[in-house]
């Protein structure tokens, strides 16, 4: 059997007072305890990606700036992703769209799971939009998702996550792990052909 799929939990907000950090840490902790994957927490704020000004991202790694090359290498190392996404004005963050658009092949034929947070709807409108984008990047969005409503209550002032939906998160991770393994094997077969 091949090695375990590597799943990246991507903290997708770069705002200074974001509430997603304890949520991303919770998802990463759950993923790290599993026997069917390895996991890594990736903070989008650690990458100073410039906003794209060309119609398409540079395809050559040599034509990318240092931040984009680092982002490319990081994402390429993943076999699947769980995006931890806030909902801002019924949508997802511009920084995430920019980060997604910087790459293509690195995302292709890999699963995407979603944990959202926000007001009463828990960020589900942001994920509805994001699902369309990841399909265009040739990713496979999994059906399960976790939505954390009223994030200002779900995450306390001390950063403690009170709304732990462990069962729902485990079901999401089940799907991401299954698809990550299946799609990695399919990618390896197509590369060998």
N, C-alpha and C. Protein backbone atom coordinates (compact mmCIF):
# COMPACT_ATOMS: atom_id res chain seq x y z
N UNK A 1 0.84 -1.18 0.00
CA UNK A 1 0.00 0.00 0.00
C UNK A 1 0.89 1.24 0.00
N UNK A 2 0.48 2.25 -0.75
CA UNK A 2 1.28 3.47 -0.84
C UNK A 2 1.16 4.28 0.45
N UNK A 3 1.99 5.28 0.57
CA UNK A 3 2.02 6.11 1.78
C UNK A 3 0.68 6.83 1.98
N UNK A 4 0.49 7.30 3.17
CA UNK A 4 -0.77 7.97 3.51
C UNK A 4 -0.90 9.29 2.78
N UNK A 5 -2.12 9.67 2.40
CA UNK A 5 -2.30 10.97 1.76
C UNK A 5 -2.02 12.10 2.75
N UNK A 6 -1.44 13.16 2.23
CA UNK A 6 -1.10 14.33 3.05
C UNK A 6 -2.17 15.39 2.83
N UNK A 7 -2.88 15.73 3.90
CA UNK A 7 -3.99 16.67 3.84
C UNK A 7 -3.56 17.99 4.48
N UNK A 8 -3.78 19.06 3.75
CA UNK A 8 -3.45 20.39 4.26
C UNK A 8 -4.74 21.09 4.70
N UNK A 9 -4.73 21.55 5.94
CA UNK A 9 -5.83 22.34 6.48
C UNK A 9 -5.43 23.79 6.25
N UNK A 10 -6.15 24.48 5.37
CA UNK A 10 -5.76 25.83 4.95
C UNK A 10 -6.62 26.87 5.66
N UNK A 11 -5.97 27.67 6.49
CA UNK A 11 -6.61 28.80 7.15
C UNK A 11 -6.69 29.92 6.13
N UNK A 12 -7.91 30.22 5.66
CA UNK A 12 -8.09 31.01 4.44
C UNK A 12 -8.39 32.48 4.65
N UNK A 13 -8.27 32.98 5.85
CA UNK A 13 -8.44 34.42 6.07
C UNK A 13 -7.10 35.02 6.47
N UNK A 14 -6.86 36.22 5.98
CA UNK A 14 -5.63 36.92 6.35
C UNK A 14 -5.92 38.16 7.17
N UNK A 15 -7.16 38.36 7.57
CA UNK A 15 -7.52 39.55 8.35
C UNK A 15 -6.92 39.48 9.75
N UNK A 16 -6.61 40.64 10.29
CA UNK A 16 -5.91 40.70 11.58
C UNK A 16 -6.76 40.18 12.74
N UNK A 17 -8.06 40.34 12.70
CA UNK A 17 -8.91 39.89 13.81
C UNK A 17 -9.76 38.69 13.41
N UNK A 18 -9.21 37.86 12.58
CA UNK A 18 -9.94 36.67 12.12
C UNK A 18 -10.25 35.73 13.28
N UNK A 19 -11.33 34.99 13.13
CA UNK A 19 -11.76 34.04 14.15
C UNK A 19 -11.42 32.60 13.78
N UNK A 20 -10.81 32.41 12.63
CA UNK A 20 -10.62 31.06 12.12
C UNK A 20 -9.47 30.28 12.70
N UNK A 21 -8.54 30.94 13.38
CA UNK A 21 -7.36 30.23 13.87
C UNK A 21 -7.69 29.06 14.79
N UNK A 22 -8.52 29.25 15.84
CA UNK A 22 -8.83 28.08 16.67
C UNK A 22 -9.64 27.02 15.93
N UNK A 23 -10.41 27.42 14.94
CA UNK A 23 -11.17 26.46 14.15
C UNK A 23 -10.22 25.62 13.31
N UNK A 24 -9.27 26.26 12.65
CA UNK A 24 -8.28 25.54 11.84
C UNK A 24 -7.43 24.63 12.71
N UNK A 25 -7.05 25.10 13.88
CA UNK A 25 -6.24 24.27 14.79
C UNK A 25 -7.03 23.04 15.25
N UNK A 26 -8.33 23.21 15.49
CA UNK A 26 -9.18 22.09 15.87
C UNK A 26 -9.26 21.06 14.76
N UNK A 27 -9.50 21.51 13.51
CA UNK A 27 -9.59 20.58 12.38
C UNK A 27 -8.25 19.87 12.19
N UNK A 28 -7.17 20.62 12.27
CA UNK A 28 -5.84 20.02 12.12
C UNK A 28 -5.57 18.99 13.21
N UNK A 29 -5.97 19.28 14.45
CA UNK A 29 -5.77 18.32 15.54
C UNK A 29 -6.54 17.03 15.29
N UNK A 30 -7.79 17.15 14.83
CA UNK A 30 -8.57 15.95 14.50
C UNK A 30 -7.91 15.15 13.38
N UNK A 31 -7.46 15.86 12.35
CA UNK A 31 -6.82 15.18 11.21
C UNK A 31 -5.52 14.52 11.63
N UNK A 32 -4.78 15.14 12.53
CA UNK A 32 -3.49 14.60 12.97
C UNK A 32 -3.64 13.32 13.77
N UNK A 33 -4.80 13.11 14.39
CA UNK A 33 -5.04 11.91 15.18
C UNK A 33 -5.45 10.71 14.34
N UNK A 34 -5.74 10.93 13.08
CA UNK A 34 -6.26 9.87 12.22
C UNK A 34 -5.13 8.97 11.71
N UNK A 35 -5.51 7.73 11.38
CA UNK A 35 -4.54 6.76 10.87
C UNK A 35 -4.54 6.68 9.34
N UNK A 36 -5.46 7.42 8.68
CA UNK A 36 -5.57 7.32 7.23
C UNK A 36 -5.04 8.54 6.50
N UNK A 37 -4.30 9.40 7.20
CA UNK A 37 -3.75 10.60 6.56
C UNK A 37 -2.66 11.18 7.44
N UNK A 38 -1.85 12.03 6.83
CA UNK A 38 -1.01 12.95 7.59
C UNK A 38 -1.62 14.33 7.38
N UNK A 39 -1.30 15.25 8.27
CA UNK A 39 -1.95 16.55 8.20
C UNK A 39 -0.97 17.66 8.50
N UNK A 40 -1.26 18.81 7.93
CA UNK A 40 -0.44 20.00 8.12
C UNK A 40 -1.37 21.21 8.12
N UNK A 41 -1.10 22.16 9.00
CA UNK A 41 -1.85 23.41 9.03
C UNK A 41 -1.10 24.43 8.18
N UNK A 42 -1.79 24.98 7.18
CA UNK A 42 -1.20 25.97 6.28
C UNK A 42 -1.96 27.27 6.47
N UNK A 43 -1.25 28.31 6.89
CA UNK A 43 -1.86 29.61 7.14
C UNK A 43 -1.60 30.51 5.93
N UNK A 44 -2.65 30.88 5.23
CA UNK A 44 -2.51 31.74 4.06
C UNK A 44 -1.80 33.05 4.39
N UNK A 45 -1.92 33.49 5.63
CA UNK A 45 -1.28 34.73 6.05
C UNK A 45 0.25 34.63 6.07
N UNK A 46 0.78 33.41 6.06
CA UNK A 46 2.24 33.23 6.03
C UNK A 46 2.83 33.46 4.65
N UNK A 47 1.98 33.63 3.64
CA UNK A 47 2.44 33.83 2.27
C UNK A 47 2.01 35.22 1.82
N UNK A 48 2.93 36.01 1.43
CA UNK A 48 2.65 37.39 1.01
C UNK A 48 2.43 37.41 -0.50
N UNK A 49 1.34 36.79 -0.93
CA UNK A 49 1.09 36.67 -2.36
C UNK A 49 0.65 38.00 -2.96
N UNK A 50 1.28 38.43 -4.04
CA UNK A 50 0.82 39.65 -4.70
C UNK A 50 -0.50 39.38 -5.41
N UNK A 51 -1.29 40.42 -5.60
CA UNK A 51 -2.51 40.23 -6.38
C UNK A 51 -2.13 40.08 -7.84
N UNK A 52 -2.77 39.12 -8.47
CA UNK A 52 -2.47 38.88 -9.88
C UNK A 52 -2.92 40.06 -10.73
N UNK A 53 -2.09 40.44 -11.67
CA UNK A 53 -2.46 41.53 -12.58
C UNK A 53 -2.53 41.06 -14.02
N UNK A 54 -2.07 39.82 -14.28
CA UNK A 54 -2.17 39.29 -15.64
C UNK A 54 -3.43 38.43 -15.75
N UNK A 55 -3.84 38.14 -16.96
CA UNK A 55 -5.07 37.38 -17.15
C UNK A 55 -4.94 35.93 -16.70
N UNK A 56 -3.72 35.40 -16.72
CA UNK A 56 -3.48 34.04 -16.25
C UNK A 56 -2.24 34.04 -15.37
N UNK A 57 -2.16 33.11 -14.42
CA UNK A 57 -0.96 33.06 -13.58
C UNK A 57 0.23 32.58 -14.40
N UNK A 58 1.43 33.01 -14.03
CA UNK A 58 2.62 32.53 -14.75
C UNK A 58 2.73 31.01 -14.60
N UNK A 59 2.92 30.32 -15.70
CA UNK A 59 2.98 28.85 -15.66
C UNK A 59 4.37 28.36 -15.26
N UNK A 60 5.37 29.13 -15.55
CA UNK A 60 6.73 28.73 -15.23
C UNK A 60 7.06 29.17 -13.81
N UNK A 61 7.63 28.25 -13.03
CA UNK A 61 8.04 28.59 -11.67
C UNK A 61 9.07 29.71 -11.68
N UNK A 62 9.87 29.77 -12.73
CA UNK A 62 10.92 30.79 -12.81
C UNK A 62 10.32 32.19 -12.98
N UNK A 63 9.13 32.29 -13.54
CA UNK A 63 8.53 33.60 -13.77
C UNK A 63 7.70 34.08 -12.59
N UNK A 64 7.59 33.27 -11.56
CA UNK A 64 6.83 33.64 -10.37
C UNK A 64 7.76 34.34 -9.37
N UNK A 65 7.17 35.17 -8.52
CA UNK A 65 7.99 35.77 -7.46
C UNK A 65 8.20 34.75 -6.34
N UNK A 66 9.03 35.11 -5.36
CA UNK A 66 9.39 34.17 -4.31
C UNK A 66 8.18 33.66 -3.52
N UNK A 67 7.25 34.56 -3.20
CA UNK A 67 6.08 34.14 -2.43
C UNK A 67 5.23 33.15 -3.23
N UNK A 68 5.06 33.41 -4.51
CA UNK A 68 4.26 32.51 -5.34
C UNK A 68 4.96 31.16 -5.52
N UNK A 69 6.27 31.16 -5.63
CA UNK A 69 7.00 29.89 -5.73
C UNK A 69 6.86 29.09 -4.44
N UNK A 70 6.95 29.77 -3.29
CA UNK A 70 6.79 29.07 -2.01
C UNK A 70 5.37 28.52 -1.88
N UNK A 71 4.37 29.30 -2.30
CA UNK A 71 2.98 28.87 -2.26
C UNK A 71 2.78 27.65 -3.17
N UNK A 72 3.34 27.71 -4.35
CA UNK A 72 3.24 26.60 -5.30
C UNK A 72 3.82 25.32 -4.71
N UNK A 73 5.01 25.41 -4.13
CA UNK A 73 5.67 24.22 -3.55
C UNK A 73 4.85 23.66 -2.39
N UNK A 74 4.30 24.55 -1.57
CA UNK A 74 3.52 24.10 -0.41
C UNK A 74 2.27 23.35 -0.87
N UNK A 75 1.52 23.93 -1.78
CA UNK A 75 0.27 23.32 -2.23
C UNK A 75 0.53 22.05 -3.03
N UNK A 76 1.58 22.04 -3.82
CA UNK A 76 1.92 20.86 -4.61
C UNK A 76 2.19 19.65 -3.72
N UNK A 77 2.65 19.88 -2.49
CA UNK A 77 2.96 18.80 -1.56
C UNK A 77 1.71 18.15 -0.95
N UNK A 78 0.55 18.76 -1.13
CA UNK A 78 -0.67 18.21 -0.57
C UNK A 78 -1.37 17.24 -1.50
N UNK A 79 -2.05 16.27 -0.91
CA UNK A 79 -2.88 15.33 -1.66
C UNK A 79 -4.36 15.69 -1.56
N UNK A 80 -4.69 16.61 -0.69
CA UNK A 80 -6.05 17.07 -0.49
C UNK A 80 -6.05 18.22 0.48
N UNK A 81 -7.19 18.91 0.55
CA UNK A 81 -7.24 20.15 1.32
C UNK A 81 -8.56 20.26 2.07
N UNK A 82 -8.48 20.87 3.26
CA UNK A 82 -9.66 21.29 3.98
C UNK A 82 -9.50 22.79 4.17
N UNK A 83 -10.37 23.55 3.53
CA UNK A 83 -10.33 25.00 3.62
C UNK A 83 -11.18 25.46 4.81
N UNK A 84 -10.59 26.25 5.69
CA UNK A 84 -11.30 26.84 6.82
C UNK A 84 -11.57 28.29 6.41
N UNK A 85 -12.86 28.57 6.13
CA UNK A 85 -13.23 29.78 5.39
C UNK A 85 -14.29 30.60 6.12
N UNK A 86 -14.05 31.90 6.31
CA UNK A 86 -15.09 32.77 6.82
C UNK A 86 -16.00 33.24 5.70
N UNK A 87 -17.17 33.71 6.07
CA UNK A 87 -18.05 34.35 5.10
C UNK A 87 -18.03 35.85 5.34
N UNK A 88 -17.59 36.58 4.33
CA UNK A 88 -17.58 38.04 4.38
C UNK A 88 -18.56 38.55 3.32
N UNK A 89 -19.60 39.23 3.75
CA UNK A 89 -20.58 39.80 2.82
C UNK A 89 -21.12 38.76 1.83
N UNK A 90 -21.48 37.61 2.35
CA UNK A 90 -22.06 36.50 1.59
C UNK A 90 -21.05 35.85 0.64
N UNK A 91 -19.78 36.08 0.82
CA UNK A 91 -18.76 35.48 -0.04
C UNK A 91 -17.55 35.07 0.76
N UNK A 92 -16.56 34.53 0.05
CA UNK A 92 -15.33 34.09 0.71
C UNK A 92 -14.27 35.18 0.51
N UNK A 93 -13.18 35.13 1.26
CA UNK A 93 -12.19 36.21 1.24
C UNK A 93 -11.48 36.36 -0.11
N UNK A 94 -11.21 37.61 -0.45
CA UNK A 94 -10.48 37.91 -1.68
C UNK A 94 -9.08 37.30 -1.66
N UNK A 95 -8.46 37.26 -0.48
CA UNK A 95 -7.12 36.68 -0.39
C UNK A 95 -7.14 35.20 -0.78
N UNK A 96 -8.22 34.50 -0.46
CA UNK A 96 -8.32 33.09 -0.85
C UNK A 96 -8.49 32.96 -2.35
N UNK A 97 -9.32 33.78 -2.95
CA UNK A 97 -9.49 33.73 -4.41
C UNK A 97 -8.16 33.99 -5.11
N UNK A 98 -7.43 34.97 -4.63
CA UNK A 98 -6.12 35.27 -5.20
C UNK A 98 -5.17 34.08 -5.06
N UNK A 99 -5.17 33.45 -3.90
CA UNK A 99 -4.31 32.30 -3.66
C UNK A 99 -4.68 31.12 -4.55
N UNK A 100 -5.98 30.90 -4.72
CA UNK A 100 -6.43 29.83 -5.61
C UNK A 100 -6.00 30.11 -7.05
N UNK A 101 -6.18 31.36 -7.48
CA UNK A 101 -5.89 31.72 -8.87
C UNK A 101 -4.40 31.73 -9.21
N UNK A 102 -3.55 31.79 -8.21
CA UNK A 102 -2.11 31.77 -8.46
C UNK A 102 -1.64 30.43 -9.03
N UNK A 103 -2.44 29.39 -8.82
CA UNK A 103 -2.02 28.03 -9.19
C UNK A 103 -3.10 27.36 -10.04
N UNK A 104 -2.71 26.28 -10.69
CA UNK A 104 -3.70 25.44 -11.35
C UNK A 104 -3.32 23.97 -11.20
N UNK A 105 -2.21 23.57 -11.80
CA UNK A 105 -1.81 22.16 -11.77
C UNK A 105 -1.64 21.64 -10.35
N UNK A 106 -1.20 22.49 -9.45
CA UNK A 106 -0.97 22.07 -8.07
C UNK A 106 -2.27 21.65 -7.38
N UNK A 107 -3.38 22.23 -7.76
CA UNK A 107 -4.69 21.90 -7.17
C UNK A 107 -5.35 20.70 -7.88
N UNK A 108 -5.01 20.50 -9.13
CA UNK A 108 -5.76 19.62 -10.02
C UNK A 108 -5.84 18.17 -9.53
N UNK A 109 -7.04 17.63 -9.63
CA UNK A 109 -7.35 16.23 -9.33
C UNK A 109 -7.05 15.86 -7.88
N UNK A 110 -7.41 16.79 -7.00
CA UNK A 110 -7.28 16.58 -5.56
C UNK A 110 -8.58 17.00 -4.88
N UNK A 111 -8.93 16.38 -3.74
CA UNK A 111 -10.19 16.71 -3.09
C UNK A 111 -10.11 18.00 -2.27
N UNK A 112 -11.25 18.63 -2.12
CA UNK A 112 -11.39 19.83 -1.30
C UNK A 112 -12.56 19.65 -0.34
N UNK A 113 -12.29 19.86 0.93
CA UNK A 113 -13.33 19.87 1.95
C UNK A 113 -13.43 21.27 2.53
N UNK A 114 -14.54 21.55 3.20
CA UNK A 114 -14.79 22.91 3.66
C UNK A 114 -15.32 22.95 5.09
N UNK A 115 -14.72 23.82 5.88
CA UNK A 115 -15.23 24.17 7.20
C UNK A 115 -15.43 25.68 7.14
N UNK A 116 -16.67 26.10 7.33
CA UNK A 116 -16.97 27.53 7.21
C UNK A 116 -17.44 28.08 8.55
N UNK A 117 -17.31 29.38 8.68
CA UNK A 117 -17.82 30.05 9.87
C UNK A 117 -18.30 31.44 9.50
N UNK A 118 -19.25 31.93 10.31
CA UNK A 118 -19.81 33.24 10.02
C UNK A 118 -20.95 33.58 10.95
N UNK A 119 -21.94 34.25 10.40
CA UNK A 119 -23.10 34.68 11.19
C UNK A 119 -24.10 33.52 11.30
N UNK A 120 -25.38 33.81 11.18
CA UNK A 120 -26.41 32.79 11.42
C UNK A 120 -26.29 31.59 10.49
N UNK A 121 -25.90 31.81 9.24
CA UNK A 121 -25.81 30.71 8.28
C UNK A 121 -24.50 29.94 8.38
N UNK A 122 -23.57 30.40 9.20
CA UNK A 122 -22.33 29.64 9.40
C UNK A 122 -21.39 29.64 8.22
N UNK A 123 -21.57 30.55 7.29
CA UNK A 123 -20.64 30.64 6.16
C UNK A 123 -20.99 29.79 4.96
N UNK A 124 -22.18 29.19 4.94
CA UNK A 124 -22.52 28.28 3.84
C UNK A 124 -22.60 28.97 2.49
N UNK A 125 -22.95 30.26 2.45
CA UNK A 125 -23.02 30.96 1.16
C UNK A 125 -21.63 31.11 0.56
N UNK A 126 -20.63 31.32 1.39
CA UNK A 126 -19.26 31.41 0.89
C UNK A 126 -18.83 30.09 0.27
N UNK A 127 -19.22 28.99 0.90
CA UNK A 127 -18.82 27.68 0.39
C UNK A 127 -19.56 27.34 -0.89
N UNK A 128 -20.81 27.76 -1.02
CA UNK A 128 -21.53 27.54 -2.28
C UNK A 128 -20.75 28.15 -3.45
N UNK A 129 -20.23 29.35 -3.25
CA UNK A 129 -19.45 30.01 -4.30
C UNK A 129 -18.10 29.31 -4.50
N UNK A 130 -17.47 28.95 -3.41
CA UNK A 130 -16.15 28.33 -3.47
C UNK A 130 -16.18 26.98 -4.16
N UNK A 131 -17.26 26.23 -3.99
CA UNK A 131 -17.38 24.94 -4.68
C UNK A 131 -17.28 25.11 -6.20
N UNK A 132 -17.87 26.17 -6.73
CA UNK A 132 -17.81 26.41 -8.18
C UNK A 132 -16.37 26.67 -8.62
N UNK A 133 -15.63 27.40 -7.82
CA UNK A 133 -14.25 27.74 -8.16
C UNK A 133 -13.36 26.50 -8.14
N UNK A 134 -13.49 25.67 -7.11
CA UNK A 134 -12.61 24.51 -7.03
C UNK A 134 -12.90 23.50 -8.14
N UNK A 135 -14.14 23.41 -8.58
CA UNK A 135 -14.45 22.54 -9.72
C UNK A 135 -13.72 23.03 -10.97
N UNK A 136 -13.69 24.34 -11.17
CA UNK A 136 -12.99 24.89 -12.33
C UNK A 136 -11.48 24.63 -12.25
N UNK A 137 -10.96 24.49 -11.05
CA UNK A 137 -9.54 24.16 -10.86
C UNK A 137 -9.30 22.65 -10.91
N UNK A 138 -10.30 21.89 -11.34
CA UNK A 138 -10.25 20.43 -11.47
C UNK A 138 -10.07 19.72 -10.14
N UNK A 139 -10.57 20.35 -9.08
CA UNK A 139 -10.58 19.70 -7.78
C UNK A 139 -11.91 18.95 -7.61
N UNK A 140 -11.96 18.09 -6.61
CA UNK A 140 -13.17 17.34 -6.32
C UNK A 140 -13.69 17.80 -4.96
N UNK A 141 -14.75 18.63 -4.95
CA UNK A 141 -15.30 19.04 -3.65
C UNK A 141 -16.10 17.89 -3.03
N UNK A 142 -15.82 17.59 -1.77
CA UNK A 142 -16.55 16.52 -1.11
C UNK A 142 -17.91 17.05 -0.65
N UNK A 143 -18.84 16.14 -0.48
CA UNK A 143 -20.21 16.53 -0.13
C UNK A 143 -20.32 17.09 1.28
N UNK A 144 -19.70 16.43 2.23
CA UNK A 144 -19.80 16.85 3.63
C UNK A 144 -19.11 18.19 3.85
N UNK A 145 -19.64 18.97 4.77
CA UNK A 145 -18.97 20.19 5.20
C UNK A 145 -19.39 20.49 6.63
N UNK A 146 -18.64 21.35 7.26
CA UNK A 146 -18.95 21.79 8.62
C UNK A 146 -19.20 23.29 8.56
N UNK A 147 -20.29 23.74 9.16
CA UNK A 147 -20.62 25.17 9.21
C UNK A 147 -20.77 25.58 10.67
N UNK A 148 -20.04 26.59 11.07
CA UNK A 148 -20.06 27.06 12.44
C UNK A 148 -20.77 28.42 12.47
N UNK A 149 -22.01 28.44 12.93
CA UNK A 149 -22.76 29.71 12.98
C UNK A 149 -22.37 30.55 14.19
N UNK A 150 -22.73 31.83 14.11
CA UNK A 150 -22.50 32.77 15.22
C UNK A 150 -21.10 32.61 15.79
N UNK A 151 -20.13 32.82 14.93
CA UNK A 151 -18.73 32.58 15.29
C UNK A 151 -18.30 33.38 16.51
N UNK A 152 -18.91 34.53 16.74
CA UNK A 152 -18.55 35.34 17.90
C UNK A 152 -18.93 34.65 19.20
N UNK A 153 -19.89 33.69 19.15
CA UNK A 153 -20.22 32.87 20.31
C UNK A 153 -19.44 31.56 20.30
N UNK A 154 -19.19 31.04 19.11
CA UNK A 154 -18.53 29.75 18.96
C UNK A 154 -17.06 29.80 19.38
N UNK A 155 -16.43 30.97 19.19
CA UNK A 155 -15.05 31.16 19.60
C UNK A 155 -15.04 32.23 20.68
N UNK A 156 -14.61 31.85 21.87
CA UNK A 156 -14.60 32.78 22.99
C UNK A 156 -13.52 33.84 22.86
N UNK A 157 -13.57 34.86 23.69
CA UNK A 157 -12.58 35.94 23.65
C UNK A 157 -11.15 35.45 23.88
N UNK A 158 -11.02 34.32 24.59
CA UNK A 158 -9.69 33.77 24.84
C UNK A 158 -9.22 32.85 23.71
N UNK A 159 -10.03 32.73 22.64
CA UNK A 159 -9.66 31.88 21.51
C UNK A 159 -10.09 30.43 21.64
N UNK A 160 -10.87 30.11 22.65
CA UNK A 160 -11.35 28.74 22.84
C UNK A 160 -12.52 28.47 21.92
N UNK A 161 -12.47 27.37 21.20
CA UNK A 161 -13.58 26.98 20.33
C UNK A 161 -14.61 26.23 21.17
N UNK A 162 -15.81 26.78 21.29
CA UNK A 162 -16.88 26.18 22.08
C UNK A 162 -17.79 25.30 21.22
N UNK A 163 -17.87 25.57 19.93
CA UNK A 163 -18.76 24.82 19.04
C UNK A 163 -17.95 23.76 18.30
N UNK A 164 -17.57 22.71 19.03
CA UNK A 164 -16.78 21.62 18.42
C UNK A 164 -17.75 20.59 17.83
N UNK A 165 -17.77 20.51 16.54
CA UNK A 165 -18.63 19.57 15.83
C UNK A 165 -17.77 18.38 15.38
N UNK A 166 -17.23 17.65 16.35
CA UNK A 166 -16.27 16.59 16.05
C UNK A 166 -16.83 15.53 15.12
N UNK A 167 -18.06 15.10 15.34
CA UNK A 167 -18.63 14.04 14.51
C UNK A 167 -18.75 14.49 13.06
N UNK A 168 -19.25 15.70 12.85
CA UNK A 168 -19.37 16.23 11.48
C UNK A 168 -18.00 16.41 10.84
N UNK A 169 -17.03 16.87 11.62
CA UNK A 169 -15.69 17.06 11.08
C UNK A 169 -15.04 15.72 10.72
N UNK A 170 -15.28 14.70 11.53
CA UNK A 170 -14.71 13.37 11.21
C UNK A 170 -15.33 12.82 9.92
N UNK A 171 -16.63 13.02 9.72
CA UNK A 171 -17.26 12.57 8.48
C UNK A 171 -16.68 13.31 7.27
N UNK A 172 -16.44 14.59 7.43
CA UNK A 172 -15.79 15.37 6.37
C UNK A 172 -14.40 14.81 6.09
N UNK A 173 -13.62 14.55 7.13
CA UNK A 173 -12.27 14.02 6.95
C UNK A 173 -12.28 12.62 6.35
N UNK A 174 -13.31 11.82 6.68
CA UNK A 174 -13.46 10.50 6.04
C UNK A 174 -13.50 10.66 4.52
N UNK A 175 -14.33 11.59 4.05
CA UNK A 175 -14.48 11.78 2.61
C UNK A 175 -13.21 12.34 1.98
N UNK A 176 -12.58 13.30 2.63
CA UNK A 176 -11.34 13.87 2.09
C UNK A 176 -10.26 12.79 2.00
N UNK A 177 -10.13 11.97 3.04
CA UNK A 177 -9.12 10.91 3.03
C UNK A 177 -9.37 9.90 1.91
N UNK A 178 -10.62 9.49 1.75
CA UNK A 178 -10.95 8.50 0.72
C UNK A 178 -10.62 9.04 -0.67
N UNK A 179 -11.09 10.25 -0.95
CA UNK A 179 -10.85 10.85 -2.26
C UNK A 179 -9.37 11.15 -2.47
N UNK A 180 -8.67 11.57 -1.43
CA UNK A 180 -7.24 11.87 -1.58
C UNK A 180 -6.47 10.61 -1.97
N UNK A 181 -6.80 9.49 -1.34
CA UNK A 181 -6.12 8.23 -1.67
C UNK A 181 -6.47 7.78 -3.09
N UNK A 182 -7.76 7.81 -3.41
CA UNK A 182 -8.20 7.35 -4.74
C UNK A 182 -7.63 8.23 -5.84
N UNK A 183 -7.67 9.53 -5.66
CA UNK A 183 -7.18 10.44 -6.70
C UNK A 183 -5.66 10.41 -6.82
N UNK A 184 -4.97 10.22 -5.71
CA UNK A 184 -3.51 10.11 -5.81
C UNK A 184 -3.12 8.87 -6.60
N UNK A 185 -3.78 7.74 -6.33
CA UNK A 185 -3.50 6.52 -7.07
C UNK A 185 -3.81 6.72 -8.56
N UNK A 186 -4.89 7.41 -8.87
CA UNK A 186 -5.24 7.66 -10.27
C UNK A 186 -4.22 8.59 -10.92
N UNK A 187 -3.75 9.60 -10.21
CA UNK A 187 -2.71 10.51 -10.75
C UNK A 187 -1.43 9.73 -11.02
N UNK A 188 -1.06 8.85 -10.10
CA UNK A 188 0.16 8.06 -10.26
C UNK A 188 0.04 7.13 -11.46
N UNK A 189 -1.13 6.52 -11.65
CA UNK A 189 -1.34 5.65 -12.80
C UNK A 189 -1.24 6.41 -14.12
N UNK A 190 -1.84 7.60 -14.16
CA UNK A 190 -1.80 8.38 -15.41
C UNK A 190 -0.39 8.88 -15.70
N UNK A 191 0.40 9.16 -14.68
CA UNK A 191 1.78 9.61 -14.89
C UNK A 191 2.65 8.45 -15.35
N UNK A 192 2.34 7.24 -14.91
CA UNK A 192 3.14 6.07 -15.29
C UNK A 192 2.83 5.61 -16.72
N UNK A 193 1.65 5.98 -17.22
CA UNK A 193 1.24 5.52 -18.56
C UNK A 193 1.99 6.25 -19.67
